[in-house]
Amino acid sequence: MDRLNNSVVSEFVLLGLSSSWETKVFLMLIFSLIYLGIILGNLFIFFLVIFDSHLHSPMYFLLANLSFIDVGVASTTVPKMIRDLLSEYKIISFQSCMTQICFIHIMGGVEMVLLIAMAFDRYTAICKPLHYLNIMNPKICVSFVIAGWVTGVIHAMSQFAFIINLPFCGPNEVDSFYCDFPRIIKLACTDGDRFEFIIAANSGFMSMGTFFLLILSYIFILVTVWKRSSGDLSKAFVTLSAHITGVVLFFTPCMFLYVWPFPTSSIDKYLFIADFAITPILNPIIHTLRNKDIKVAIKRLSKRGHYVRLC
């Protein structure tokens, strides 16, 4: 960490999303409401799964962890983005920038593993229903979560170890609302080609590999169901549609930025709004509206609250 003090650049300037005052006010109101929805929606699912014994199953255990991670993903960038929208000077210190990058990639790594675990859970439930509880036992579920955090930390630190040693001695303007490896490397006072390759090989390979693994798993599930049910895929589509929607929304910006580095336009910063704001608020909506167990649990909760008021 001594390198932090040796860099000439001590802070970065985030250019943000817009220069128009009216647009900034509009975006601040929109993202404030979205962030409030992210916090309330995801924490509601998180605590609902914890306190409702009927939801103590592998699928909802993984869903609760996904909700927790979505809160973390959004909280790494959205609060500062909202604050910066009405701020004339959008400054982030070197240390805060590096910390934000680490948390973004740790949370992203955990979410990727959780999405894989949820796909495996759906595969087991649909294709091997008689062995579901034996395969998706508590030990396996906890192992998935631990593996997610270990993967996230290794994924982030394996890139951070290279970036932290780069010299930053000149330009400090970041054309985005958050810090990330690709744009920070562009500001380094050295040839960044080797580091760009490291980021593409790490984040790019991880994003694309996980995305295609998930898509192939969903295709395999649909083909299995099609063979067993004489072409009737309606039930499988209903079960998997929420998962597929979340996967596409989450991985599209990642592949756009990391598989084809490095940004020559500012399009990627708008795409990443999907990862930091849209996906985290859509996940609780999708899993609530399309899930009978969650709906029943909400009804039980409302009846319990009504009973308590009567007492």
C-alpha atoms as a PDB file:
ATOM      1  CA  MET A   1       0.000   0.000   0.000  1.00  0.00           C
ATOM      2  CA  ASP A   2       3.056   2.341   0.084  1.00  0.00           C
ATOM      3  CA  ARG A   3       2.539   2.856  -3.599  1.00  0.00           C
ATOM      4  CA  LEU A   4      -0.603   4.834  -2.817  1.00  0.00           C
ATOM      5  CA  ASN A   5       1.485   7.561  -1.253  1.00  0.00           C
ATOM      6  CA  ASN A   6       4.099   7.557  -4.042  1.00  0.00           C
ATOM      7  CA  SER A   7       1.610   8.334  -6.824  1.00  0.00           C
ATOM      8  CA  VAL A   8       1.461  12.007  -7.804  1.00  0.00           C
ATOM      9  CA  VAL A   9      -2.290  11.795  -8.433  1.00  0.00           C
ATOM     10  CA  SER A  10      -4.089  11.837  -5.078  1.00  0.00           C
ATOM     11  CA  GLU A  11      -7.645  12.054  -6.425  1.00  0.00           C
ATOM     12  CA  PHE A  12      -9.699  11.471  -9.538  1.00  0.00           C
ATOM     13  CA  VAL A  13     -12.424  13.613 -11.089  1.00  0.00           C
ATOM     14  CA  LEU A  14     -15.531  11.674 -12.135  1.00  0.00           C
ATOM     15  CA  LEU A  15     -17.181  13.334 -15.152  1.00  0.00           C
ATOM     16  CA  GLY A  16     -20.509  11.655 -14.355  1.00  0.00           C
ATOM     17  CA  LEU A  17     -23.510  11.059 -16.569  1.00  0.00           C
ATOM     18  CA  SER A  18     -24.634  14.485 -17.773  1.00  0.00           C
ATOM     19  CA  SER A  19     -23.684  18.152 -17.859  1.00  0.00           C
ATOM     20  CA  SER A  20     -27.238  19.508 -18.092  1.00  0.00           C
ATOM     21  CA  TRP A  21     -28.604  20.792 -14.758  1.00  0.00           C
ATOM     22  CA  GLU A  22     -32.198  19.756 -15.576  1.00  0.00           C
ATOM     23  CA  THR A  23     -31.059  16.261 -16.542  1.00  0.00           C
ATOM     24  CA  LYS A  24     -28.984  15.983 -13.364  1.00  0.00           C
ATOM     25  CA  VAL A  25     -31.975  16.860 -11.159  1.00  0.00           C
ATOM     26  CA  PHE A  26     -34.160  14.371 -13.027  1.00  0.00           C
ATOM     27  CA  LEU A  27     -31.547  11.606 -12.751  1.00  0.00           C
ATOM     28  CA  MET A  28     -31.005  12.333  -9.065  1.00  0.00           C
ATOM     29  CA  LEU A  29     -34.729  11.883  -8.333  1.00  0.00           C
ATOM     30  CA  ILE A  30     -34.955   8.731 -10.466  1.00  0.00           C
ATOM     31  CA  PHE A  31     -31.878   7.054  -9.009  1.00  0.00           C
ATOM     32  CA  SER A  32     -32.839   8.045  -5.463  1.00  0.00           C
ATOM     33  CA  LEU A  33     -36.143   6.222  -5.914  1.00  0.00           C
ATOM     34  CA  ILE A  34     -34.404   3.274  -7.582  1.00  0.00           C
ATOM     35  CA  TYR A  35     -31.855   2.986  -4.767  1.00  0.00           C
ATOM     36  CA  LEU A  36     -34.611   3.158  -2.157  1.00  0.00           C
ATOM     37  CA  GLY A  37     -36.399   0.378  -4.036  1.00  0.00           C
ATOM     38  CA  ILE A  38     -33.200  -1.686  -4.177  1.00  0.00           C
ATOM     39  CA  ILE A  39     -32.659  -1.415  -0.424  1.00  0.00           C
ATOM     40  CA  LEU A  40     -36.286  -2.046   0.578  1.00  0.00           C
ATOM     41  CA  GLY A  41     -36.985  -4.768  -2.002  1.00  0.00           C
ATOM     42  CA  ASN A  42     -33.857  -6.824  -1.509  1.00  0.00           C
ATOM     43  CA  LEU A  43     -33.757  -6.529   2.272  1.00  0.00           C
ATOM     44  CA  PHE A  44     -37.445  -7.484   2.372  1.00  0.00           C
ATOM     45  CA  ILE A  45     -36.702 -10.716   0.491  1.00  0.00           C
ATOM     46  CA  PHE A  46     -33.576 -11.310   2.587  1.00  0.00           C
ATOM     47  CA  PHE A  47     -35.420 -11.087   5.920  1.00  0.00           C
ATOM     48  CA  LEU A  48     -38.556 -12.791   4.582  1.00  0.00           C
ATOM     49  CA  VAL A  49     -36.489 -15.873   3.715  1.00  0.00           C
ATOM     50  CA  ILE A  50     -34.788 -15.780   7.130  1.00  0.00           C
ATOM     51  CA  PHE A  51     -37.942 -15.486   9.227  1.00  0.00           C
ATOM     52  CA  ASP A  52     -40.408 -17.579   7.177  1.00  0.00           C
ATOM     53  CA  SER A  53     -39.675 -21.255   7.842  1.00  0.00           C
ATOM     54  CA  HIS A  54     -41.606 -22.270   4.704  1.00  0.00           C
ATOM     55  CA  LEU A  55     -38.866 -20.601   2.630  1.00  0.00           C
ATOM     56  CA  HIS A  56     -36.008 -22.495   4.260  1.00  0.00           C
ATOM     57  CA  SER A  57     -35.056 -24.332   1.087  1.00  0.00           C
ATOM     58  CA  PRO A  58     -31.950 -24.283  -1.147  1.00  0.00           C
ATOM     59  CA  MET A  59     -33.495 -22.033  -3.807  1.00  0.00           C
ATOM     60  CA  TYR A  60     -34.549 -19.345  -1.336  1.00  0.00           C
ATOM     61  CA  PHE A  61     -31.291 -19.582   0.602  1.00  0.00           C
ATOM     62  CA  LEU A  62     -29.461 -18.708  -2.623  1.00  0.00           C
ATOM     63  CA  LEU A  63     -32.050 -16.036  -3.460  1.00  0.00           C
ATOM     64  CA  ALA A  64     -31.554 -14.388  -0.050  1.00  0.00           C
ATOM     65  CA  ASN A  65     -27.804 -14.306  -0.629  1.00  0.00           C
ATOM     66  CA  LEU A  66     -28.343 -12.831  -4.104  1.00  0.00           C
ATOM     67  CA  SER A  67     -30.540 -10.107  -2.586  1.00  0.00           C
ATOM     68  CA  PHE A  68     -27.828  -9.306  -0.039  1.00  0.00           C
ATOM     69  CA  ILE A  69     -25.199  -9.063  -2.790  1.00  0.00           C
ATOM     70  CA  ASP A  70     -27.479  -6.856  -4.918  1.00  0.00           C
ATOM     71  CA  VAL A  71     -27.653  -4.374  -2.040  1.00  0.00           C
ATOM     72  CA  GLY A  72     -23.851  -4.443  -1.865  1.00  0.00           C
ATOM     73  CA  VAL A  73     -23.386  -4.021  -5.628  1.00  0.00           C
ATOM     74  CA  ALA A  74     -25.711  -1.020  -5.739  1.00  0.00           C
ATOM     75  CA  SER A  75     -24.228   0.555  -2.614  1.00  0.00           C
ATOM     76  CA  THR A  76     -20.708   0.605  -4.055  1.00  0.00           C
ATOM     77  CA  THR A  77     -21.658   3.172  -6.714  1.00  0.00           C
ATOM     78  CA  VAL A  78     -25.243   4.482  -6.618  1.00  0.00           C
ATOM     79  CA  PRO A  79     -25.099   6.637  -3.417  1.00  0.00           C
ATOM     80  CA  LYS A  80     -22.021   8.509  -4.653  1.00  0.00           C
ATOM     81  CA  MET A  81     -23.508   8.833  -8.133  1.00  0.00           C
ATOM     82  CA  ILE A  82     -26.630  10.449  -6.625  1.00  0.00           C
ATOM     83  CA  ARG A  83     -24.531  12.792  -4.492  1.00  0.00           C
ATOM     84  CA  ASP A  84     -22.297  13.753  -7.435  1.00  0.00           C
ATOM     85  CA  LEU A  85     -25.233  14.595  -9.704  1.00  0.00           C
ATOM     86  CA  LEU A  86     -25.783  17.854  -7.796  1.00  0.00           C
ATOM     87  CA  SER A  87     -22.131  18.443  -6.963  1.00  0.00           C
ATOM     88  CA  GLU A  88     -19.986  20.779  -9.007  1.00  0.00           C
ATOM     89  CA  TYR A  89     -16.781  18.932  -8.152  1.00  0.00           C
ATOM     90  CA  LYS A  90     -17.114  15.160  -8.490  1.00  0.00           C
ATOM     91  CA  ILE A  91     -13.986  14.136  -6.644  1.00  0.00           C
ATOM     92  CA  ILE A  92     -12.990  10.695  -5.396  1.00  0.00           C
ATOM     93  CA  SER A  93      -9.714  10.111  -3.556  1.00  0.00           C
ATOM     94  CA  PHE A  94      -7.151   7.649  -4.895  1.00  0.00           C
ATOM     95  CA  GLN A  95      -7.707   5.336  -1.912  1.00  0.00           C
ATOM     96  CA  SER A  96     -11.516   5.514  -2.239  1.00  0.00           C
ATOM     97  CA  CYS A  97     -11.270   4.814  -5.977  1.00  0.00           C
ATOM     98  CA  MET A  98      -9.150   1.713  -5.406  1.00  0.00           C
ATOM     99  CA  THR A  99     -11.494   0.559  -2.630  1.00  0.00           C
ATOM    100  CA  GLN A 100     -14.541   1.008  -4.878  1.00  0.00           C
ATOM    101  CA  ILE A 101     -12.895  -1.012  -7.643  1.00  0.00           C
ATOM    102  CA  CYS A 102     -12.122  -3.849  -5.226  1.00  0.00           C
ATOM    103  CA  PHE A 103     -15.660  -4.003  -3.848  1.00  0.00           C
ATOM    104  CA  ILE A 104     -17.202  -3.877  -7.338  1.00  0.00           C
ATOM    105  CA  HIS A 105     -15.176  -6.897  -8.461  1.00  0.00           C
ATOM    106  CA  ILE A 106     -15.573  -8.829  -5.206  1.00  0.00           C
ATOM    107  CA  MET A 107     -19.358  -8.411  -5.311  1.00  0.00           C
ATOM    108  CA  GLY A 108     -19.411  -9.159  -9.033  1.00  0.00           C
ATOM    109  CA  GLY A 109     -17.469 -12.394  -8.512  1.00  0.00           C
ATOM    110  CA  VAL A 110     -19.822 -13.489  -5.721  1.00  0.00           C
ATOM    111  CA  GLU A 111     -22.880 -12.753  -7.867  1.00  0.00           C
ATOM    112  CA  MET A 112     -21.532 -14.796 -10.771  1.00  0.00           C
ATOM    113  CA  VAL A 113     -21.014 -17.836  -8.544  1.00  0.00           C
ATOM    114  CA  LEU A 114     -24.471 -17.385  -7.008  1.00  0.00           C
ATOM    115  CA  LEU A 115     -26.063 -17.281 -10.473  1.00  0.00           C
ATOM    116  CA  ILE A 116     -24.245 -20.519 -11.344  1.00  0.00           C
ATOM    117  CA  ALA A 117     -25.470 -22.049  -8.077  1.00  0.00           C
ATOM    118  CA  MET A 118     -29.050 -20.979  -8.815  1.00  0.00           C
ATOM    119  CA  ALA A 119     -28.824 -22.484 -12.317  1.00  0.00           C
ATOM    120  CA  PHE A 120     -27.523 -25.749 -10.820  1.00  0.00           C
ATOM    121  CA  ASP A 121     -30.352 -25.634  -8.273  1.00  0.00           C
ATOM    122  CA  ARG A 122     -32.965 -25.294 -11.043  1.00  0.00           C
ATOM    123  CA  TYR A 123     -31.290 -28.065 -13.062  1.00  0.00           C
ATOM    124  CA  THR A 124     -31.417 -30.402 -10.054  1.00  0.00           C
ATOM    125  CA  ALA A 125     -35.019 -29.488  -9.191  1.00  0.00           C
ATOM    126  CA  ILE A 126     -36.291 -29.973 -12.765  1.00  0.00           C
ATOM    127  CA  CYS A 127     -34.097 -32.801 -14.060  1.00  0.00           C
ATOM    128  CA  LYS A 128     -33.503 -34.784 -10.845  1.00  0.00           C
ATOM    129  CA  PRO A 129     -36.444 -33.984  -8.562  1.00  0.00           C
ATOM    130  CA  LEU A 130     -36.218 -37.226  -6.544  1.00  0.00           C
ATOM    131  CA  HIS A 131     -32.614 -36.500  -5.583  1.00  0.00           C
ATOM    132  CA  TYR A 132     -33.023 -32.744  -5.178  1.00  0.00           C
ATOM    133  CA  LEU A 133     -32.797 -32.485  -1.381  1.00  0.00           C
ATOM    134  CA  ASN A 134     -29.917 -34.956  -1.223  1.00  0.00           C
ATOM    135  CA  ILE A 135     -27.903 -33.051  -3.827  1.00  0.00           C
ATOM    136  CA  MET A 136     -28.792 -29.506  -2.705  1.00  0.00           C
ATOM    137  CA  ASN A 137     -28.212 -30.180   0.973  1.00  0.00           C
ATOM    138  CA  PRO A 138     -27.315 -27.354   3.416  1.00  0.00           C
ATOM    139  CA  LYS A 139     -23.615 -28.155   3.226  1.00  0.00           C
ATOM    140  CA  ILE A 140     -23.588 -27.740  -0.559  1.00  0.00           C
ATOM    141  CA  CYS A 141     -25.562 -24.484  -0.371  1.00  0.00           C
ATOM    142  CA  VAL A 142     -23.184 -22.975   2.183  1.00  0.00           C
ATOM    143  CA  SER A 143     -20.241 -24.199   0.096  1.00  0.00           C
ATOM    144  CA  PHE A 144     -21.602 -22.326  -2.926  1.00  0.00           C
ATOM    145  CA  VAL A 145     -21.768 -19.086  -0.922  1.00  0.00           C
ATOM    146  CA  ILE A 146     -18.270 -19.537   0.527  1.00  0.00           C
ATOM    147  CA  ALA A 147     -16.928 -20.379  -2.943  1.00  0.00           C
ATOM    148  CA  GLY A 148     -18.546 -17.191  -4.229  1.00  0.00           C
ATOM    149  CA  TRP A 149     -16.775 -14.982  -1.701  1.00  0.00           C
ATOM    150  CA  VAL A 150     -13.437 -16.746  -2.214  1.00  0.00           C
ATOM    151  CA  THR A 151     -13.792 -16.402  -5.996  1.00  0.00           C
ATOM    152  CA  GLY A 152     -14.744 -12.734  -5.689  1.00  0.00           C
ATOM    153  CA  VAL A 153     -11.767 -11.882  -3.494  1.00  0.00           C
ATOM    154  CA  ILE A 154      -9.286 -13.778  -5.702  1.00  0.00           C
ATOM    155  CA  HIS A 155     -10.816 -12.244  -8.851  1.00  0.00           C
ATOM    156  CA  ALA A 156     -10.513  -8.692  -7.472  1.00  0.00           C
ATOM    157  CA  MET A 157      -7.105  -9.004  -5.837  1.00  0.00           C
ATOM    158  CA  SER A 158      -5.477 -10.748  -8.808  1.00  0.00           C
ATOM    159  CA  GLN A 159      -6.146  -7.584 -10.839  1.00  0.00           C
ATOM    160  CA  PHE A 160      -5.678  -5.084  -8.039  1.00  0.00           C
ATOM    161  CA  ALA A 161      -2.153  -6.378  -7.362  1.00  0.00           C
ATOM    162  CA  PHE A 162      -1.080  -5.158 -10.810  1.00  0.00           C
ATOM    163  CA  ILE A 163      -3.017  -1.890 -10.899  1.00  0.00           C
ATOM    164  CA  ILE A 164      -1.913  -0.616  -7.490  1.00  0.00           C
ATOM    165  CA  ASN A 165       1.707  -0.486  -8.698  1.00  0.00           C
ATOM    166  CA  LEU A 166       0.958   1.682 -11.740  1.00  0.00           C
ATOM    167  CA  PRO A 167       2.306   5.262 -11.669  1.00  0.00           C
ATOM    168  CA  PHE A 168      -0.365   7.977 -11.889  1.00  0.00           C
ATOM    169  CA  CYS A 169       1.330  11.294 -12.545  1.00  0.00           C
ATOM    170  CA  GLY A 170      -0.783  13.285 -14.972  1.00  0.00           C
ATOM    171  CA  PRO A 171      -4.425  13.215 -16.151  1.00  0.00           C
ATOM    172  CA  ASN A 172      -6.991  12.349 -13.497  1.00  0.00           C
ATOM    173  CA  GLU A 173     -10.376  12.734 -15.221  1.00  0.00           C
ATOM    174  CA  VAL A 174     -12.482   9.553 -15.387  1.00  0.00           C
ATOM    175  CA  ASP A 175     -15.284   9.672 -17.971  1.00  0.00           C
ATOM    176  CA  SER A 176     -17.729   7.757 -15.807  1.00  0.00           C
ATOM    177  CA  PHE A 177     -19.672   7.908 -12.542  1.00  0.00           C
ATOM    178  CA  TYR A 178     -17.542   5.221 -10.872  1.00  0.00           C
ATOM    179  CA  CYS A 179     -13.985   3.860 -10.830  1.00  0.00           C
ATOM    180  CA  ASP A 180     -13.038   0.669 -12.628  1.00  0.00           C
ATOM    181  CA  PHE A 181      -9.880  -0.949 -13.950  1.00  0.00           C
ATOM    182  CA  PRO A 182     -10.226  -0.129 -17.685  1.00  0.00           C
ATOM    183  CA  ARG A 183     -10.614   3.631 -17.306  1.00  0.00           C
ATOM    184  CA  ILE A 184      -8.070   3.931 -14.490  1.00  0.00           C
ATOM    185  CA  ILE A 185      -5.422   2.076 -16.524  1.00  0.00           C
ATOM    186  CA  LYS A 186      -5.902   4.623 -19.324  1.00  0.00           C
ATOM    187  CA  LEU A 187      -4.744   7.340 -16.910  1.00  0.00           C
ATOM    188  CA  ALA A 188      -1.523   5.609 -15.874  1.00  0.00           C
ATOM    189  CA  CYS A 189       1.784   7.134 -16.946  1.00  0.00           C
ATOM    190  CA  THR A 190       2.976   3.940 -18.574  1.00  0.00           C
ATOM    191  CA  ASP A 191       2.161   1.598 -21.453  1.00  0.00           C
ATOM    192  CA  GLY A 192      -1.025  -0.100 -20.297  1.00  0.00           C
ATOM    193  CA  ASP A 193      -1.306  -2.752 -23.036  1.00  0.00           C
ATOM    194  CA  ARG A 194      -0.029  -5.544 -20.812  1.00  0.00           C
ATOM    195  CA  PHE A 195      -2.408  -4.572 -18.012  1.00  0.00           C
ATOM    196  CA  GLU A 196      -5.304  -4.265 -20.447  1.00  0.00           C
ATOM    197  CA  PHE A 197      -4.626  -7.849 -21.508  1.00  0.00           C
ATOM    198  CA  ILE A 198      -4.602  -8.971 -17.850  1.00  0.00           C
ATOM    199  CA  ILE A 199      -7.990  -7.348 -17.230  1.00  0.00           C
ATOM    200  CA  ALA A 200      -9.452  -8.809 -20.437  1.00  0.00           C
ATOM    201  CA  ALA A 201      -8.065 -12.262 -19.627  1.00  0.00           C
ATOM    202  CA  ASN A 202      -9.400 -12.123 -16.060  1.00  0.00           C
ATOM    203  CA  SER A 203     -12.678 -10.188 -16.040  1.00  0.00           C
ATOM    204  CA  GLY A 204     -13.422 -10.794 -19.726  1.00  0.00           C
ATOM    205  CA  PHE A 205     -12.878 -14.549 -19.580  1.00  0.00           C
ATOM    206  CA  MET A 206     -14.776 -14.830 -16.287  1.00  0.00           C
ATOM    207  CA  SER A 207     -17.753 -12.827 -17.606  1.00  0.00           C
ATOM    208  CA  MET A 208     -18.042 -14.548 -20.962  1.00  0.00           C
ATOM    209  CA  GLY A 209     -17.262 -18.004 -19.601  1.00  0.00           C
ATOM    210  CA  THR A 210     -19.864 -17.733 -16.855  1.00  0.00           C
ATOM    211  CA  PHE A 211     -22.468 -16.281 -19.240  1.00  0.00           C
ATOM    212  CA  PHE A 212     -22.157 -19.090 -21.790  1.00  0.00           C
ATOM    213  CA  LEU A 213     -22.020 -21.718 -19.042  1.00  0.00           C
ATOM    214  CA  LEU A 214     -25.321 -20.402 -17.687  1.00  0.00           C
ATOM    215  CA  ILE A 215     -26.957 -20.179 -21.115  1.00  0.00           C
ATOM    216  CA  LEU A 216     -25.856 -23.734 -21.961  1.00  0.00           C
ATOM    217  CA  SER A 217     -27.210 -24.984 -18.635  1.00  0.00           C
ATOM    218  CA  TYR A 218     -30.608 -23.385 -19.326  1.00  0.00           C
ATOM    219  CA  ILE A 219     -30.668 -24.852 -22.839  1.00  0.00           C
ATOM    220  CA  PHE A 220     -29.823 -28.274 -21.401  1.00  0.00           C
ATOM    221  CA  ILE A 221     -32.666 -27.953 -18.872  1.00  0.00           C
ATOM    222  CA  LEU A 222     -35.152 -26.952 -21.590  1.00  0.00           C
ATOM    223  CA  VAL A 223     -34.063 -29.828 -23.853  1.00  0.00           C
ATOM    224  CA  THR A 224     -34.402 -32.290 -20.956  1.00  0.00           C
ATOM    225  CA  VAL A 225     -37.885 -31.019 -20.127  1.00  0.00           C
ATOM    226  CA  TRP A 226     -38.877 -31.080 -23.820  1.00  0.00           C
ATOM    227  CA  LYS A 227     -37.882 -34.743 -24.101  1.00  0.00           C
ATOM    228  CA  ARG A 228     -39.714 -35.747 -20.928  1.00  0.00           C
ATOM    229  CA  SER A 229     -42.906 -33.772 -21.475  1.00  0.00           C
ATOM    230  CA  SER A 230     -43.582 -34.396 -25.178  1.00  0.00           C
ATOM    231  CA  GLY A 231     -42.688 -30.861 -26.246  1.00  0.00           C
ATOM    232  CA  ASP A 232     -44.429 -28.941 -23.438  1.00  0.00           C
ATOM    233  CA  LEU A 233     -41.934 -26.329 -22.232  1.00  0.00           C
ATOM    234  CA  SER A 234     -44.358 -23.873 -20.630  1.00  0.00           C
ATOM    235  CA  LYS A 235     -43.619 -24.831 -17.014  1.00  0.00           C
ATOM    236  CA  ALA A 236     -39.866 -24.793 -17.550  1.00  0.00           C
ATOM    237  CA  PHE A 237     -40.040 -21.421 -19.290  1.00  0.00           C
ATOM    238  CA  VAL A 238     -41.987 -19.950 -16.372  1.00  0.00           C
ATOM    239  CA  THR A 239     -39.462 -21.343 -13.906  1.00  0.00           C
ATOM    240  CA  LEU A 240     -36.381 -20.187 -15.813  1.00  0.00           C
ATOM    241  CA  SER A 241     -37.550 -16.885 -17.299  1.00  0.00           C
ATOM    242  CA  ALA A 242     -36.672 -14.879 -14.182  1.00  0.00           C
ATOM    243  CA  HIS A 243     -33.204 -16.413 -14.033  1.00  0.00           C
ATOM    244  CA  ILE A 244     -32.508 -15.852 -17.738  1.00  0.00           C
ATOM    245  CA  THR A 245     -33.662 -12.227 -17.537  1.00  0.00           C
ATOM    246  CA  GLY A 246     -31.342 -11.533 -14.610  1.00  0.00           C
ATOM    247  CA  VAL A 247     -28.410 -13.257 -16.325  1.00  0.00           C
ATOM    248  CA  VAL A 248     -28.769 -11.276 -19.574  1.00  0.00           C
ATOM    249  CA  LEU A 249     -29.100  -7.945 -17.742  1.00  0.00           C
ATOM    250  CA  PHE A 250     -26.116  -8.657 -15.512  1.00  0.00           C
ATOM    251  CA  PHE A 251     -23.653 -10.007 -18.088  1.00  0.00           C
ATOM    252  CA  THR A 252     -24.319  -7.777 -21.114  1.00  0.00           C
ATOM    253  CA  PRO A 253     -22.501  -4.715 -19.671  1.00  0.00           C
ATOM    254  CA  CYS A 254     -19.695  -6.910 -18.273  1.00  0.00           C
ATOM    255  CA  MET A 255     -18.948  -8.489 -21.628  1.00  0.00           C
ATOM    256  CA  PHE A 256     -19.227  -5.160 -23.432  1.00  0.00           C
ATOM    257  CA  LEU A 257     -16.585  -3.570 -21.195  1.00  0.00           C
ATOM    258  CA  TYR A 258     -14.223  -6.427 -20.341  1.00  0.00           C
ATOM    259  CA  VAL A 259     -14.275  -8.732 -23.375  1.00  0.00           C
ATOM    260  CA  TRP A 260     -13.571  -5.891 -25.823  1.00  0.00           C
ATOM    261  CA  PRO A 261     -11.380  -3.510 -23.854  1.00  0.00           C
ATOM    262  CA  PHE A 262     -10.839  -0.711 -23.631  1.00  0.00           C
ATOM    263  CA  PRO A 263     -13.477   2.027 -23.768  1.00  0.00           C
ATOM    264  CA  THR A 264     -13.186   4.385 -26.694  1.00  0.00           C
ATOM    265  CA  SER A 265     -16.597   5.917 -25.984  1.00  0.00           C
ATOM    266  CA  SER A 266     -18.715   6.653 -22.938  1.00  0.00           C
ATOM    267  CA  ILE A 267     -21.397   4.093 -23.830  1.00  0.00           C
ATOM    268  CA  ASP A 268     -20.177   1.586 -21.250  1.00  0.00           C
ATOM    269  CA  LYS A 269     -20.913   3.863 -18.295  1.00  0.00           C
ATOM    270  CA  TYR A 270     -24.577   3.976 -19.303  1.00  0.00           C
ATOM    271  CA  LEU A 271     -24.656   0.204 -19.809  1.00  0.00           C
ATOM    272  CA  PHE A 272     -23.313  -0.337 -16.308  1.00  0.00           C
ATOM    273  CA  ILE A 273     -26.352   1.422 -14.887  1.00  0.00           C
ATOM    274  CA  ALA A 274     -28.036  -1.915 -15.633  1.00  0.00           C
ATOM    275  CA  ASP A 275     -25.593  -3.727 -13.327  1.00  0.00           C
ATOM    276  CA  PHE A 276     -25.568  -1.198 -10.509  1.00  0.00           C
ATOM    277  CA  ALA A 277     -29.206  -0.043 -10.502  1.00  0.00           C
ATOM    278  CA  ILE A 278     -31.555  -1.852 -12.895  1.00  0.00           C
ATOM    279  CA  THR A 279     -30.668  -5.494 -12.175  1.00  0.00           C
ATOM    280  CA  PRO A 280     -30.633  -5.070  -8.351  1.00  0.00           C
ATOM    281  CA  ILE A 281     -34.125  -3.541  -8.371  1.00  0.00           C
ATOM    282  CA  LEU A 282     -35.525  -5.969 -10.964  1.00  0.00           C
ATOM    283  CA  ASN A 283     -34.385  -9.100  -9.116  1.00  0.00           C
ATOM    284  CA  PRO A 284     -36.786  -8.690  -6.151  1.00  0.00           C
ATOM    285  CA  ILE A 285     -39.601  -7.634  -8.520  1.00  0.00           C
ATOM    286  CA  ILE A 286     -39.089 -10.629 -10.818  1.00  0.00           C
ATOM    287  CA  HIS A 287     -38.748 -13.159  -8.022  1.00  0.00           C
ATOM    288  CA  THR A 288     -41.748 -11.715  -6.166  1.00  0.00           C
ATOM    289  CA  LEU A 289     -44.196 -11.396  -9.053  1.00  0.00           C
ATOM    290  CA  ARG A 290     -43.278 -14.719 -10.682  1.00  0.00           C
ATOM    291  CA  ASN A 291     -42.958 -16.821  -7.542  1.00  0.00           C
ATOM    292  CA  LYS A 292     -45.944 -18.425  -5.814  1.00  0.00           C
ATOM    293  CA  ASP A 293     -44.038 -19.310  -2.638  1.00  0.00           C
ATOM    294  CA  ILE A 294     -42.951 -15.690  -2.120  1.00  0.00           C
ATOM    295  CA  LYS A 295     -46.511 -14.477  -2.726  1.00  0.00           C
ATOM    296  CA  VAL A 296     -47.863 -16.950  -0.172  1.00  0.00           C
ATOM    297  CA  ALA A 297     -45.155 -15.934   2.313  1.00  0.00           C
ATOM    298  CA  ILE A 298     -46.112 -12.261   1.899  1.00  0.00           C
ATOM    299  CA  LYS A 299     -49.761 -13.146   2.536  1.00  0.00           C
ATOM    300  CA  ARG A 300     -48.771 -15.062   5.677  1.00  0.00           C
ATOM    301  CA  LEU A 301     -46.759 -12.074   6.827  1.00  0.00           C
ATOM    302  CA  SER A 302     -49.645  -9.662   6.234  1.00  0.00           C
ATOM    303  CA  LYS A 303     -52.089 -11.948   8.068  1.00  0.00           C
ATOM    304  CA  ARG A 304     -49.671 -12.231  10.975  1.00  0.00           C
ATOM    305  CA  GLY A 305     -49.357  -8.453  11.106  1.00  0.00           C
ATOM    306  CA  HIS A 306     -53.150  -8.079  11.010  1.00  0.00           C
ATOM    307  CA  TYR A 307     -53.504 -10.599  13.851  1.00  0.00           C
ATOM    308  CA  VAL A 308     -50.936  -8.744  15.949  1.00  0.00           C
ATOM    309  CA  ARG A 309     -52.803  -5.463  15.460  1.00  0.00           C
ATOM    310  CA  LEU A 310     -56.067  -7.086  16.553  1.00  0.00           C
ATOM    311  CA  CYS A 311     -54.419  -8.420  19.700  1.00  0.00           C
END
